[in-house]
N, C-alpha and C. Protein backbone atom coordinates (compact mmCIF):
# COMPACT_ATOMS: atom_id res chain seq x y z
N MET A 1 -174.03 59.01 -100.24
CA MET A 1 -174.08 60.36 -99.68
C MET A 1 -173.21 61.29 -100.51
N LYS A 2 -173.78 62.40 -100.87
CA LYS A 2 -173.04 63.36 -101.67
C LYS A 2 -172.25 64.28 -100.77
N THR A 3 -170.94 64.35 -100.96
CA THR A 3 -170.07 65.13 -100.09
C THR A 3 -169.62 66.40 -100.80
N LYS A 4 -169.69 67.51 -100.09
CA LYS A 4 -169.28 68.80 -100.65
C LYS A 4 -168.32 69.48 -99.70
N PHE A 5 -167.26 70.01 -100.22
CA PHE A 5 -166.33 70.80 -99.44
C PHE A 5 -166.50 72.27 -99.80
N LEU A 6 -166.33 73.12 -98.82
CA LEU A 6 -166.48 74.55 -99.03
C LEU A 6 -165.37 75.04 -99.96
N THR A 7 -165.74 75.70 -101.06
CA THR A 7 -164.75 76.12 -102.05
C THR A 7 -164.58 77.63 -102.11
N ILE A 8 -165.37 78.38 -101.39
CA ILE A 8 -165.28 79.83 -101.46
C ILE A 8 -163.90 80.31 -101.03
N ALA A 9 -163.39 79.75 -99.94
CA ALA A 9 -162.08 80.17 -99.45
C ALA A 9 -160.99 79.83 -100.45
N ALA A 10 -161.11 78.67 -101.10
CA ALA A 10 -160.10 78.28 -102.09
C ALA A 10 -160.13 79.24 -103.28
N LEU A 11 -161.32 79.63 -103.74
CA LEU A 11 -161.43 80.56 -104.84
C LEU A 11 -160.88 81.92 -104.47
N PHE A 12 -161.12 82.33 -103.23
CA PHE A 12 -160.59 83.61 -102.76
C PHE A 12 -159.08 83.60 -102.78
N CYS A 13 -158.47 82.53 -102.31
CA CYS A 13 -157.02 82.44 -102.28
C CYS A 13 -156.45 82.44 -103.69
N THR A 14 -157.12 81.71 -104.61
CA THR A 14 -156.64 81.66 -105.98
C THR A 14 -156.71 83.03 -106.63
N PHE A 15 -157.81 83.74 -106.42
CA PHE A 15 -157.94 85.08 -106.98
C PHE A 15 -156.92 86.03 -106.38
N PHE A 16 -156.71 85.94 -105.08
CA PHE A 16 -155.77 86.81 -104.39
C PHE A 16 -154.37 86.63 -104.94
N TYR A 17 -153.98 85.39 -105.12
CA TYR A 17 -152.63 85.09 -105.62
C TYR A 17 -152.48 85.49 -107.08
N ALA A 18 -153.50 85.19 -107.90
CA ALA A 18 -153.43 85.53 -109.31
C ALA A 18 -153.40 87.03 -109.52
N ASN A 19 -154.14 87.76 -108.71
CA ASN A 19 -154.17 89.21 -108.83
C ASN A 19 -152.82 89.80 -108.52
N ALA A 20 -152.14 89.24 -107.51
CA ALA A 20 -150.82 89.73 -107.16
C ALA A 20 -149.82 89.44 -108.27
N GLN A 21 -149.95 88.28 -108.92
CA GLN A 21 -149.04 87.91 -109.99
C GLN A 21 -149.22 88.79 -111.22
N ASP A 22 -150.48 89.24 -111.48
CA ASP A 22 -150.75 90.04 -112.66
C ASP A 22 -150.18 91.44 -112.56
N ASP A 23 -149.96 91.94 -111.36
CA ASP A 23 -149.44 93.28 -111.15
C ASP A 23 -147.95 93.19 -110.86
N PRO A 24 -147.09 93.51 -111.81
CA PRO A 24 -145.65 93.33 -111.60
C PRO A 24 -145.09 94.23 -110.52
N THR A 25 -145.76 95.34 -110.25
CA THR A 25 -145.25 96.25 -109.22
C THR A 25 -145.47 95.70 -107.83
N ASN A 26 -146.45 94.76 -107.72
CA ASN A 26 -146.75 94.21 -106.40
C ASN A 26 -146.31 92.77 -106.25
N SER A 27 -145.78 92.15 -107.32
CA SER A 27 -145.47 90.73 -107.27
C SER A 27 -144.43 90.42 -106.21
N GLU A 28 -143.43 91.26 -106.05
CA GLU A 28 -142.41 91.00 -105.05
C GLU A 28 -142.96 91.14 -103.65
N MET A 29 -143.95 92.04 -103.50
CA MET A 29 -144.50 92.25 -102.17
C MET A 29 -145.38 91.09 -101.75
N PHE A 30 -146.18 90.53 -102.71
CA PHE A 30 -147.13 89.50 -102.36
C PHE A 30 -146.55 88.10 -102.44
N GLU A 31 -145.60 87.86 -103.33
CA GLU A 31 -145.09 86.51 -103.52
C GLU A 31 -144.00 86.20 -102.51
N PRO A 32 -144.19 85.15 -101.69
CA PRO A 32 -143.17 84.81 -100.70
C PRO A 32 -141.93 84.24 -101.37
N LYS A 33 -140.77 84.61 -100.88
CA LYS A 33 -139.51 84.08 -101.39
C LYS A 33 -138.74 83.49 -100.22
N ALA A 34 -138.47 82.19 -100.30
CA ALA A 34 -137.77 81.49 -99.23
C ALA A 34 -138.42 81.79 -97.89
N MET A 35 -139.74 81.57 -97.81
CA MET A 35 -140.51 81.88 -96.62
C MET A 35 -140.10 80.96 -95.47
N THR A 36 -139.74 81.53 -94.34
CA THR A 36 -139.33 80.75 -93.18
C THR A 36 -140.06 81.23 -91.94
N PHE A 37 -140.23 80.32 -90.98
CA PHE A 37 -140.77 80.69 -89.69
C PHE A 37 -139.63 81.10 -88.76
N ALA A 38 -139.98 81.76 -87.67
CA ALA A 38 -138.99 82.17 -86.67
C ALA A 38 -139.61 82.07 -85.29
N ARG A 39 -138.76 81.94 -84.30
CA ARG A 39 -139.23 81.90 -82.91
C ARG A 39 -140.03 83.16 -82.60
N GLY A 40 -141.20 82.96 -82.01
CA GLY A 40 -142.06 84.08 -81.67
C GLY A 40 -143.15 84.34 -82.68
N ASP A 41 -143.06 83.76 -83.89
CA ASP A 41 -144.14 83.89 -84.87
C ASP A 41 -145.40 83.22 -84.33
N MET A 42 -146.55 83.75 -84.71
CA MET A 42 -147.83 83.17 -84.33
C MET A 42 -148.69 82.99 -85.58
N PHE A 43 -149.68 82.11 -85.46
CA PHE A 43 -150.61 81.94 -86.57
C PHE A 43 -152.00 81.59 -86.05
N VAL A 44 -152.97 81.96 -86.83
CA VAL A 44 -154.36 81.51 -86.61
C VAL A 44 -154.73 80.66 -87.82
N GLU A 45 -155.47 79.60 -87.57
CA GLU A 45 -155.81 78.66 -88.63
C GLU A 45 -157.22 78.16 -88.39
N GLY A 46 -157.94 77.94 -89.47
CA GLY A 46 -159.30 77.45 -89.31
C GLY A 46 -159.71 76.57 -90.48
N SER A 47 -160.53 75.59 -90.19
CA SER A 47 -161.06 74.71 -91.24
C SER A 47 -162.56 74.56 -91.05
N LEU A 48 -163.25 74.40 -92.16
CA LEU A 48 -164.69 74.22 -92.17
C LEU A 48 -165.02 73.05 -93.07
N LYS A 49 -165.79 72.11 -92.57
CA LYS A 49 -166.18 70.95 -93.37
C LYS A 49 -167.69 70.83 -93.38
N ILE A 50 -168.24 70.66 -94.57
CA ILE A 50 -169.68 70.50 -94.75
C ILE A 50 -169.93 69.26 -95.61
N SER A 51 -170.71 68.34 -95.09
CA SER A 51 -171.05 67.13 -95.82
C SER A 51 -172.57 66.96 -95.76
N THR A 52 -173.21 66.95 -96.93
CA THR A 52 -174.67 66.86 -96.97
C THR A 52 -175.10 65.73 -97.89
N GLY A 53 -176.24 65.14 -97.57
CA GLY A 53 -176.80 64.07 -98.39
C GLY A 53 -178.31 64.09 -98.30
N ASP A 54 -178.93 63.04 -98.82
CA ASP A 54 -180.39 62.96 -98.80
C ASP A 54 -180.93 62.89 -97.38
N ASN A 55 -180.23 62.16 -96.51
CA ASN A 55 -180.74 61.95 -95.15
C ASN A 55 -179.74 62.31 -94.06
N VAL A 56 -178.46 62.53 -94.42
CA VAL A 56 -177.42 62.77 -93.43
C VAL A 56 -176.72 64.09 -93.69
N ASP A 57 -176.58 64.89 -92.65
CA ASP A 57 -175.86 66.17 -92.73
C ASP A 57 -174.78 66.20 -91.66
N PHE A 58 -173.61 66.75 -92.03
CA PHE A 58 -172.51 66.88 -91.09
C PHE A 58 -171.84 68.23 -91.28
N TYR A 59 -171.58 68.94 -90.17
CA TYR A 59 -170.90 70.23 -90.19
C TYR A 59 -169.81 70.22 -89.11
N ALA A 60 -168.66 70.80 -89.43
CA ALA A 60 -167.56 70.85 -88.45
C ALA A 60 -166.77 72.13 -88.65
N LEU A 61 -166.37 72.73 -87.53
CA LEU A 61 -165.57 73.95 -87.51
C LEU A 61 -164.44 73.76 -86.51
N ASN A 62 -163.19 74.13 -86.93
CA ASN A 62 -162.02 73.88 -86.08
C ASN A 62 -161.00 75.03 -86.16
N PRO A 63 -161.17 76.10 -85.34
CA PRO A 63 -160.17 77.17 -85.31
C PRO A 63 -159.01 76.83 -84.38
N LYS A 64 -157.78 77.31 -84.74
CA LYS A 64 -156.58 77.06 -83.96
C LYS A 64 -155.76 78.34 -83.82
N VAL A 65 -154.96 78.39 -82.76
CA VAL A 65 -153.97 79.44 -82.57
C VAL A 65 -152.65 78.77 -82.21
N GLY A 66 -151.56 79.14 -82.91
CA GLY A 66 -150.27 78.49 -82.67
C GLY A 66 -149.16 79.49 -82.44
N PHE A 67 -148.11 79.02 -81.76
CA PHE A 67 -146.94 79.84 -81.42
C PHE A 67 -145.69 79.04 -81.74
N PHE A 68 -144.75 79.64 -82.49
CA PHE A 68 -143.53 78.95 -82.89
C PHE A 68 -142.44 79.07 -81.82
N LEU A 69 -141.93 77.91 -81.41
CA LEU A 69 -140.81 77.87 -80.48
C LEU A 69 -139.47 77.99 -81.20
N ASN A 70 -139.44 77.57 -82.47
CA ASN A 70 -138.29 77.78 -83.35
C ASN A 70 -138.80 77.76 -84.78
N ASP A 71 -137.92 77.61 -85.77
CA ASP A 71 -138.34 77.71 -87.16
C ASP A 71 -139.10 76.49 -87.66
N LYS A 72 -139.18 75.41 -86.88
CA LYS A 72 -139.86 74.19 -87.32
C LYS A 72 -140.92 73.68 -86.36
N PHE A 73 -140.89 74.11 -85.12
CA PHE A 73 -141.75 73.51 -84.09
C PHE A 73 -142.70 74.56 -83.52
N ALA A 74 -144.01 74.22 -83.49
CA ALA A 74 -145.03 75.13 -82.97
C ALA A 74 -145.97 74.38 -82.04
N VAL A 75 -146.50 75.09 -81.06
CA VAL A 75 -147.50 74.54 -80.15
C VAL A 75 -148.68 75.51 -80.10
N GLY A 76 -149.84 75.00 -79.68
CA GLY A 76 -150.99 75.89 -79.64
C GLY A 76 -152.23 75.23 -79.06
N GLY A 77 -153.35 75.94 -79.17
CA GLY A 77 -154.63 75.45 -78.68
C GLY A 77 -155.68 75.52 -79.77
N GLN A 78 -156.75 74.77 -79.58
CA GLN A 78 -157.79 74.71 -80.59
C GLN A 78 -159.16 74.51 -79.96
N VAL A 79 -160.18 74.91 -80.70
CA VAL A 79 -161.58 74.69 -80.34
C VAL A 79 -162.23 73.96 -81.51
N SER A 80 -163.08 73.00 -81.22
CA SER A 80 -163.75 72.26 -82.29
C SER A 80 -165.24 72.15 -81.99
N TRP A 81 -166.01 72.22 -83.06
CA TRP A 81 -167.46 72.03 -82.97
C TRP A 81 -167.92 71.22 -84.16
N SER A 82 -168.80 70.26 -83.92
CA SER A 82 -169.35 69.47 -85.02
C SER A 82 -170.80 69.11 -84.72
N SER A 83 -171.54 68.90 -85.78
CA SER A 83 -172.95 68.52 -85.66
C SER A 83 -173.26 67.46 -86.71
N TYR A 84 -173.86 66.36 -86.27
CA TYR A 84 -174.22 65.25 -87.16
C TYR A 84 -175.71 64.96 -86.99
N GLU A 85 -176.43 64.84 -88.12
CA GLU A 85 -177.86 64.57 -88.06
C GLU A 85 -178.24 63.54 -89.12
N ASP A 86 -178.94 62.50 -88.68
CA ASP A 86 -179.41 61.43 -89.55
C ASP A 86 -180.93 61.37 -89.46
N GLU A 87 -181.60 61.73 -90.54
CA GLU A 87 -183.06 61.78 -90.52
C GLU A 87 -183.68 60.40 -90.49
N VAL A 88 -183.01 59.40 -91.04
CA VAL A 88 -183.57 58.05 -91.08
C VAL A 88 -183.66 57.46 -89.67
N SER A 89 -182.56 57.56 -88.92
CA SER A 89 -182.55 57.01 -87.56
C SER A 89 -183.01 58.03 -86.52
N ASN A 90 -183.37 59.23 -86.98
CA ASN A 90 -183.81 60.29 -86.07
C ASN A 90 -182.76 60.54 -84.98
N THR A 91 -181.50 60.69 -85.44
CA THR A 91 -180.37 60.88 -84.53
C THR A 91 -179.69 62.20 -84.80
N LYS A 92 -179.35 62.91 -83.72
CA LYS A 92 -178.60 64.15 -83.84
C LYS A 92 -177.55 64.20 -82.74
N THR A 93 -176.30 64.52 -83.12
CA THR A 93 -175.21 64.59 -82.16
C THR A 93 -174.43 65.89 -82.35
N ASP A 94 -174.27 66.64 -81.27
CA ASP A 94 -173.46 67.87 -81.27
C ASP A 94 -172.27 67.67 -80.34
N VAL A 95 -171.08 68.08 -80.81
CA VAL A 95 -169.85 67.92 -80.03
C VAL A 95 -169.13 69.26 -79.96
N LEU A 96 -168.78 69.67 -78.75
CA LEU A 96 -167.99 70.88 -78.53
C LEU A 96 -166.74 70.48 -77.76
N GLY A 97 -165.56 70.84 -78.29
CA GLY A 97 -164.33 70.39 -77.65
C GLY A 97 -163.26 71.47 -77.62
N ILE A 98 -162.30 71.29 -76.72
CA ILE A 98 -161.11 72.13 -76.65
C ILE A 98 -159.89 71.20 -76.60
N GLY A 99 -158.74 71.72 -77.03
CA GLY A 99 -157.57 70.86 -77.03
C GLY A 99 -156.28 71.62 -77.25
N ALA A 100 -155.19 70.87 -77.27
CA ALA A 100 -153.86 71.42 -77.50
C ALA A 100 -153.18 70.59 -78.58
N PHE A 101 -152.21 71.19 -79.27
CA PHE A 101 -151.52 70.47 -80.33
C PHE A 101 -150.06 70.89 -80.40
N ALA A 102 -149.24 70.03 -81.00
CA ALA A 102 -147.84 70.31 -81.29
C ALA A 102 -147.60 69.96 -82.75
N ARG A 103 -146.95 70.86 -83.49
CA ARG A 103 -146.75 70.68 -84.93
C ARG A 103 -145.27 70.80 -85.27
N TYR A 104 -144.79 69.88 -86.13
CA TYR A 104 -143.39 69.91 -86.56
C TYR A 104 -143.33 69.91 -88.09
N TYR A 105 -142.66 70.91 -88.67
CA TYR A 105 -142.48 71.01 -90.11
C TYR A 105 -141.20 70.27 -90.50
N PHE A 106 -141.32 69.28 -91.40
CA PHE A 106 -140.17 68.43 -91.69
C PHE A 106 -139.72 68.46 -93.16
N ILE A 107 -140.53 69.04 -94.06
CA ILE A 107 -140.13 69.16 -95.47
C ILE A 107 -140.53 70.54 -95.98
N GLU A 108 -139.64 71.17 -96.75
CA GLU A 108 -139.91 72.45 -97.38
C GLU A 108 -139.54 72.35 -98.87
N LEU A 109 -140.49 72.73 -99.74
CA LEU A 109 -140.28 72.66 -101.19
C LEU A 109 -140.74 73.97 -101.84
N ALA A 110 -140.43 74.12 -103.12
CA ALA A 110 -140.89 75.26 -103.92
C ALA A 110 -140.52 76.58 -103.25
N ASP A 111 -139.22 76.79 -103.03
CA ASP A 111 -138.73 78.00 -102.35
C ASP A 111 -139.37 78.17 -100.98
N LYS A 112 -139.61 77.04 -100.33
CA LYS A 112 -140.16 77.00 -98.98
C LYS A 112 -141.59 77.53 -98.89
N LYS A 113 -142.29 77.60 -100.04
CA LYS A 113 -143.71 77.97 -100.01
C LYS A 113 -144.56 76.78 -99.60
N LEU A 114 -144.13 75.58 -99.97
CA LEU A 114 -144.84 74.35 -99.64
C LEU A 114 -144.15 73.67 -98.46
N LYS A 115 -144.89 73.50 -97.37
CA LYS A 115 -144.31 72.95 -96.14
C LYS A 115 -145.17 71.79 -95.66
N ALA A 116 -144.52 70.65 -95.43
CA ALA A 116 -145.21 69.47 -94.90
C ALA A 116 -144.98 69.39 -93.40
N PHE A 117 -146.01 68.95 -92.67
CA PHE A 117 -145.89 68.88 -91.22
C PHE A 117 -146.57 67.64 -90.66
N GLY A 118 -146.11 67.26 -89.48
CA GLY A 118 -146.79 66.26 -88.68
C GLY A 118 -147.32 66.94 -87.44
N GLU A 119 -148.50 66.55 -87.00
CA GLU A 119 -149.13 67.21 -85.86
C GLU A 119 -149.75 66.19 -84.91
N ALA A 120 -149.50 66.38 -83.62
CA ALA A 120 -150.10 65.56 -82.57
C ALA A 120 -151.04 66.42 -81.75
N GLY A 121 -152.22 65.91 -81.48
CA GLY A 121 -153.21 66.67 -80.73
C GLY A 121 -153.85 65.87 -79.62
N LEU A 122 -154.32 66.58 -78.60
CA LEU A 122 -155.03 65.98 -77.48
C LEU A 122 -156.20 66.89 -77.13
N GLY A 123 -157.40 66.32 -77.07
CA GLY A 123 -158.57 67.15 -76.84
C GLY A 123 -159.59 66.53 -75.90
N PHE A 124 -160.43 67.39 -75.35
CA PHE A 124 -161.54 66.99 -74.47
C PHE A 124 -162.83 67.51 -75.07
N GLY A 125 -163.86 66.66 -75.15
CA GLY A 125 -165.12 67.06 -75.76
C GLY A 125 -166.33 66.76 -74.90
N ARG A 126 -167.35 67.56 -75.11
CA ARG A 126 -168.65 67.35 -74.47
C ARG A 126 -169.65 67.03 -75.57
N ASN A 127 -170.28 65.85 -75.48
CA ASN A 127 -171.15 65.36 -76.55
C ASN A 127 -172.60 65.34 -76.09
N LYS A 128 -173.48 65.81 -76.96
CA LYS A 128 -174.91 65.79 -76.69
C LYS A 128 -175.60 65.04 -77.81
N SER A 129 -176.28 63.94 -77.48
CA SER A 129 -176.93 63.11 -78.50
C SER A 129 -178.42 63.04 -78.23
N GLU A 130 -179.18 63.11 -79.32
CA GLU A 130 -180.63 62.94 -79.25
C GLU A 130 -181.02 61.81 -80.20
N ILE A 131 -181.59 60.75 -79.63
CA ILE A 131 -181.97 59.57 -80.41
C ILE A 131 -183.43 59.26 -80.15
N GLY A 132 -184.27 59.45 -81.17
CA GLY A 132 -185.69 59.15 -81.03
C GLY A 132 -186.37 59.89 -79.90
N GLY A 133 -185.98 61.11 -79.65
CA GLY A 133 -186.58 61.91 -78.60
C GLY A 133 -185.93 61.77 -77.25
N PHE A 134 -184.98 60.84 -77.10
CA PHE A 134 -184.25 60.67 -75.84
C PHE A 134 -182.90 61.35 -75.94
N GLU A 135 -182.49 62.00 -74.86
CA GLU A 135 -181.24 62.74 -74.83
C GLU A 135 -180.20 62.02 -73.98
N ASP A 136 -178.96 62.00 -74.47
CA ASP A 136 -177.87 61.36 -73.76
C ASP A 136 -176.63 62.23 -73.87
N ASN A 137 -175.97 62.51 -72.75
CA ASN A 137 -174.77 63.32 -72.73
C ASN A 137 -173.56 62.47 -72.37
N SER A 138 -172.42 62.81 -72.93
CA SER A 138 -171.20 62.06 -72.65
C SER A 138 -169.99 62.97 -72.78
N ASN A 139 -168.87 62.51 -72.20
CA ASN A 139 -167.59 63.20 -72.32
C ASN A 139 -166.65 62.33 -73.16
N SER A 140 -165.75 62.98 -73.89
CA SER A 140 -164.83 62.23 -74.73
C SER A 140 -163.42 62.80 -74.63
N ILE A 141 -162.44 61.93 -74.77
CA ILE A 141 -161.03 62.32 -74.85
C ILE A 141 -160.48 61.76 -76.15
N THR A 142 -159.83 62.62 -76.92
CA THR A 142 -159.33 62.24 -78.24
C THR A 142 -157.85 62.57 -78.36
N ALA A 143 -157.09 61.64 -78.89
CA ALA A 143 -155.67 61.88 -79.21
C ALA A 143 -155.43 61.44 -80.64
N ASP A 144 -154.68 62.23 -81.40
CA ASP A 144 -154.42 61.85 -82.79
C ASP A 144 -153.09 62.39 -83.28
N ILE A 145 -152.61 61.78 -84.35
CA ILE A 145 -151.42 62.23 -85.06
C ILE A 145 -151.78 62.27 -86.54
N ASN A 146 -151.55 63.40 -87.19
CA ASN A 146 -151.88 63.49 -88.61
C ASN A 146 -150.77 64.16 -89.40
N VAL A 147 -150.89 64.09 -90.72
CA VAL A 147 -149.91 64.67 -91.65
C VAL A 147 -150.63 65.68 -92.53
N GLY A 148 -149.99 66.84 -92.75
CA GLY A 148 -150.63 67.87 -93.56
C GLY A 148 -149.64 68.72 -94.32
N LEU A 149 -150.18 69.67 -95.09
CA LEU A 149 -149.39 70.59 -95.90
C LEU A 149 -149.87 72.01 -95.73
N ASN A 150 -148.94 72.96 -95.80
CA ASN A 150 -149.25 74.38 -95.95
C ASN A 150 -148.68 74.85 -97.28
N PHE A 151 -149.47 75.59 -98.05
CA PHE A 151 -148.93 76.25 -99.24
C PHE A 151 -149.15 77.75 -99.07
N PHE A 152 -148.07 78.52 -99.07
CA PHE A 152 -148.13 79.95 -98.82
C PHE A 152 -148.32 80.73 -100.13
N PHE A 153 -149.43 81.46 -100.21
CA PHE A 153 -149.69 82.36 -101.34
C PHE A 153 -148.92 83.67 -101.16
N THR A 154 -148.81 84.12 -99.91
CA THR A 154 -148.04 85.31 -99.57
C THR A 154 -147.19 84.95 -98.36
N ASP A 155 -146.47 85.93 -97.82
CA ASP A 155 -145.68 85.68 -96.62
C ASP A 155 -146.56 85.39 -95.41
N ASN A 156 -147.84 85.73 -95.49
CA ASN A 156 -148.72 85.59 -94.34
C ASN A 156 -149.88 84.62 -94.54
N LEU A 157 -150.34 84.46 -95.76
CA LEU A 157 -151.54 83.67 -96.01
C LEU A 157 -151.20 82.35 -96.67
N ALA A 158 -151.77 81.26 -96.11
CA ALA A 158 -151.50 79.92 -96.64
C ALA A 158 -152.76 79.07 -96.62
N ALA A 159 -152.81 78.11 -97.54
CA ALA A 159 -153.83 77.07 -97.51
C ALA A 159 -153.30 75.89 -96.71
N THR A 160 -154.17 75.24 -95.97
CA THR A 160 -153.80 74.08 -95.17
C THR A 160 -154.59 72.86 -95.67
N PHE A 161 -153.88 71.75 -95.84
CA PHE A 161 -154.52 70.49 -96.23
C PHE A 161 -154.09 69.42 -95.22
N VAL A 162 -155.05 68.87 -94.49
CA VAL A 162 -154.79 67.72 -93.62
C VAL A 162 -155.04 66.47 -94.46
N LEU A 163 -153.98 65.72 -94.73
CA LEU A 163 -154.04 64.64 -95.71
C LEU A 163 -154.38 63.28 -95.14
N ALA A 164 -153.84 62.96 -93.96
CA ALA A 164 -154.03 61.60 -93.45
C ALA A 164 -153.92 61.57 -91.93
N ASP A 165 -154.74 60.73 -91.31
CA ASP A 165 -154.63 60.45 -89.88
C ASP A 165 -153.75 59.22 -89.70
N VAL A 166 -152.58 59.42 -89.11
CA VAL A 166 -151.67 58.31 -88.87
C VAL A 166 -152.16 57.45 -87.72
N LEU A 167 -152.58 58.11 -86.66
CA LEU A 167 -153.02 57.39 -85.46
C LEU A 167 -154.13 58.19 -84.80
N SER A 168 -155.13 57.50 -84.31
CA SER A 168 -156.21 58.17 -83.58
C SER A 168 -156.72 57.27 -82.46
N TYR A 169 -157.02 57.91 -81.33
CA TYR A 169 -157.57 57.20 -80.16
C TYR A 169 -158.70 58.04 -79.59
N ASN A 170 -159.81 57.40 -79.28
CA ASN A 170 -160.96 58.12 -78.76
C ASN A 170 -161.64 57.28 -77.68
N THR A 171 -161.94 57.92 -76.56
CA THR A 171 -162.69 57.25 -75.50
C THR A 171 -163.90 58.11 -75.14
N VAL A 172 -165.06 57.48 -75.06
CA VAL A 172 -166.31 58.17 -74.76
C VAL A 172 -166.89 57.60 -73.48
N SER A 173 -167.24 58.51 -72.55
CA SER A 173 -167.78 58.09 -71.26
C SER A 173 -169.18 58.67 -71.09
N PRO A 174 -170.24 57.87 -71.38
CA PRO A 174 -171.62 58.35 -71.21
C PRO A 174 -171.98 58.52 -69.74
N GLU A 175 -172.96 59.39 -69.48
CA GLU A 175 -173.44 59.55 -68.10
C GLU A 175 -174.16 58.29 -67.64
N ASN A 176 -174.82 57.62 -68.57
CA ASN A 176 -175.54 56.39 -68.24
C ASN A 176 -175.07 55.27 -69.17
N GLY A 177 -174.12 54.48 -68.70
CA GLY A 177 -173.63 53.39 -69.53
C GLY A 177 -172.13 53.25 -69.47
N PRO A 178 -171.60 52.17 -70.03
CA PRO A 178 -170.16 51.91 -69.99
C PRO A 178 -169.40 52.77 -71.00
N SER A 179 -168.12 52.94 -70.75
CA SER A 179 -167.26 53.69 -71.65
C SER A 179 -166.93 52.87 -72.90
N ALA A 180 -166.63 53.57 -73.99
CA ALA A 180 -166.27 52.90 -75.24
C ALA A 180 -164.97 53.51 -75.76
N ASN A 181 -164.04 52.65 -76.18
CA ASN A 181 -162.74 53.11 -76.66
C ASN A 181 -162.53 52.65 -78.10
N THR A 182 -161.93 53.51 -78.92
CA THR A 182 -161.57 53.14 -80.29
C THR A 182 -160.13 53.56 -80.55
N PHE A 183 -159.42 52.71 -81.30
CA PHE A 183 -158.03 52.97 -81.65
C PHE A 183 -157.82 52.61 -83.11
N GLU A 184 -157.15 53.50 -83.86
CA GLU A 184 -156.92 53.24 -85.27
C GLU A 184 -155.50 53.66 -85.64
N LEU A 185 -154.78 52.76 -86.29
CA LEU A 185 -153.42 53.02 -86.76
C LEU A 185 -153.38 52.81 -88.26
N ASN A 186 -152.98 53.85 -88.98
CA ASN A 186 -152.90 53.79 -90.44
C ASN A 186 -151.44 53.80 -90.84
N ILE A 187 -150.87 52.62 -91.10
CA ILE A 187 -149.45 52.52 -91.45
C ILE A 187 -149.22 52.91 -92.91
N ASN A 188 -150.12 52.48 -93.79
CA ASN A 188 -149.98 52.79 -95.21
C ASN A 188 -150.63 54.15 -95.48
N LEU A 189 -149.86 55.23 -95.32
CA LEU A 189 -150.40 56.57 -95.45
C LEU A 189 -150.87 56.87 -96.86
N PHE A 190 -150.27 56.24 -97.86
CA PHE A 190 -150.56 56.59 -99.23
C PHE A 190 -151.60 55.67 -99.87
N GLU A 191 -152.31 54.91 -99.05
CA GLU A 191 -153.32 54.01 -99.60
C GLU A 191 -154.46 54.80 -100.23
N ASN A 192 -154.92 55.83 -99.57
CA ASN A 192 -155.98 56.68 -100.12
C ASN A 192 -155.88 58.05 -99.49
N ILE A 193 -154.69 58.67 -99.62
CA ILE A 193 -154.38 59.86 -98.85
C ILE A 193 -155.23 61.07 -99.26
N PHE A 194 -155.69 61.10 -100.54
CA PHE A 194 -156.46 62.24 -101.00
C PHE A 194 -157.96 61.94 -101.07
N ASN A 195 -158.43 60.97 -100.32
CA ASN A 195 -159.83 60.60 -100.36
C ASN A 195 -160.73 61.77 -99.96
N GLN A 196 -160.51 62.31 -98.76
CA GLN A 196 -161.28 63.46 -98.30
C GLN A 196 -160.37 64.37 -97.48
N PRO A 197 -159.46 65.12 -98.14
CA PRO A 197 -158.58 66.01 -97.41
C PRO A 197 -159.36 67.14 -96.77
N GLN A 198 -158.94 67.54 -95.59
CA GLN A 198 -159.58 68.64 -94.89
C GLN A 198 -158.87 69.93 -95.26
N PHE A 199 -159.62 70.90 -95.76
CA PHE A 199 -159.05 72.14 -96.24
C PHE A 199 -159.27 73.25 -95.22
N GLY A 200 -158.26 74.12 -95.08
CA GLY A 200 -158.39 75.27 -94.19
C GLY A 200 -157.50 76.41 -94.64
N LEU A 201 -157.52 77.49 -93.89
CA LEU A 201 -156.69 78.66 -94.17
C LEU A 201 -155.85 78.99 -92.94
N LEU A 202 -154.63 79.45 -93.18
CA LEU A 202 -153.71 79.85 -92.11
C LEU A 202 -153.25 81.27 -92.35
N TYR A 203 -153.24 82.07 -91.28
CA TYR A 203 -152.69 83.42 -91.37
C TYR A 203 -151.58 83.57 -90.32
N ARG A 204 -150.39 83.89 -90.79
CA ARG A 204 -149.22 84.03 -89.92
C ARG A 204 -148.95 85.50 -89.63
N PHE A 205 -148.64 85.79 -88.36
CA PHE A 205 -148.31 87.19 -88.02
C PHE A 205 -147.24 87.22 -86.95
């Protein structure tokens, strides 16, 4: 399966940052210096993932809103939507979910432009599956812990990279049938941390 990540946002950020660097009169305004968070700061963040192949397509969208309780700890809410379609098995699954998360920033590098964080999330989803013309609905509960990075191009705009899922738990309860639970613990975070990083954008205000 050929996997593609959306690159338009990355190109936009690169152009935005390079343009600010080329203009010396604006470089101080656009380039963050010792960028720090503060209590009361808020951010919006979103990621888009697109994976396409000969027979399988996957799309996912995940917007978030966060609020800082201090310079390192933030809490917030999120909405997620995903769609998976397999033409060979004639299967299509749509998932719509809501959830909450807590994020802790534990490393700051490059004049605090690069910030590493750990994030724990808990979500509830409604799943709709169509298999060979038959429809099945289910509810799911998901809990996870992941590790990611923010790189700030300006004092307000940053790229987000979710690098690894440390722990994930998922339970699915179909309307017709028994529940199914999955649990995964990844102790060796650096085994293949850059295999398929999830890219997004963050705007702080």
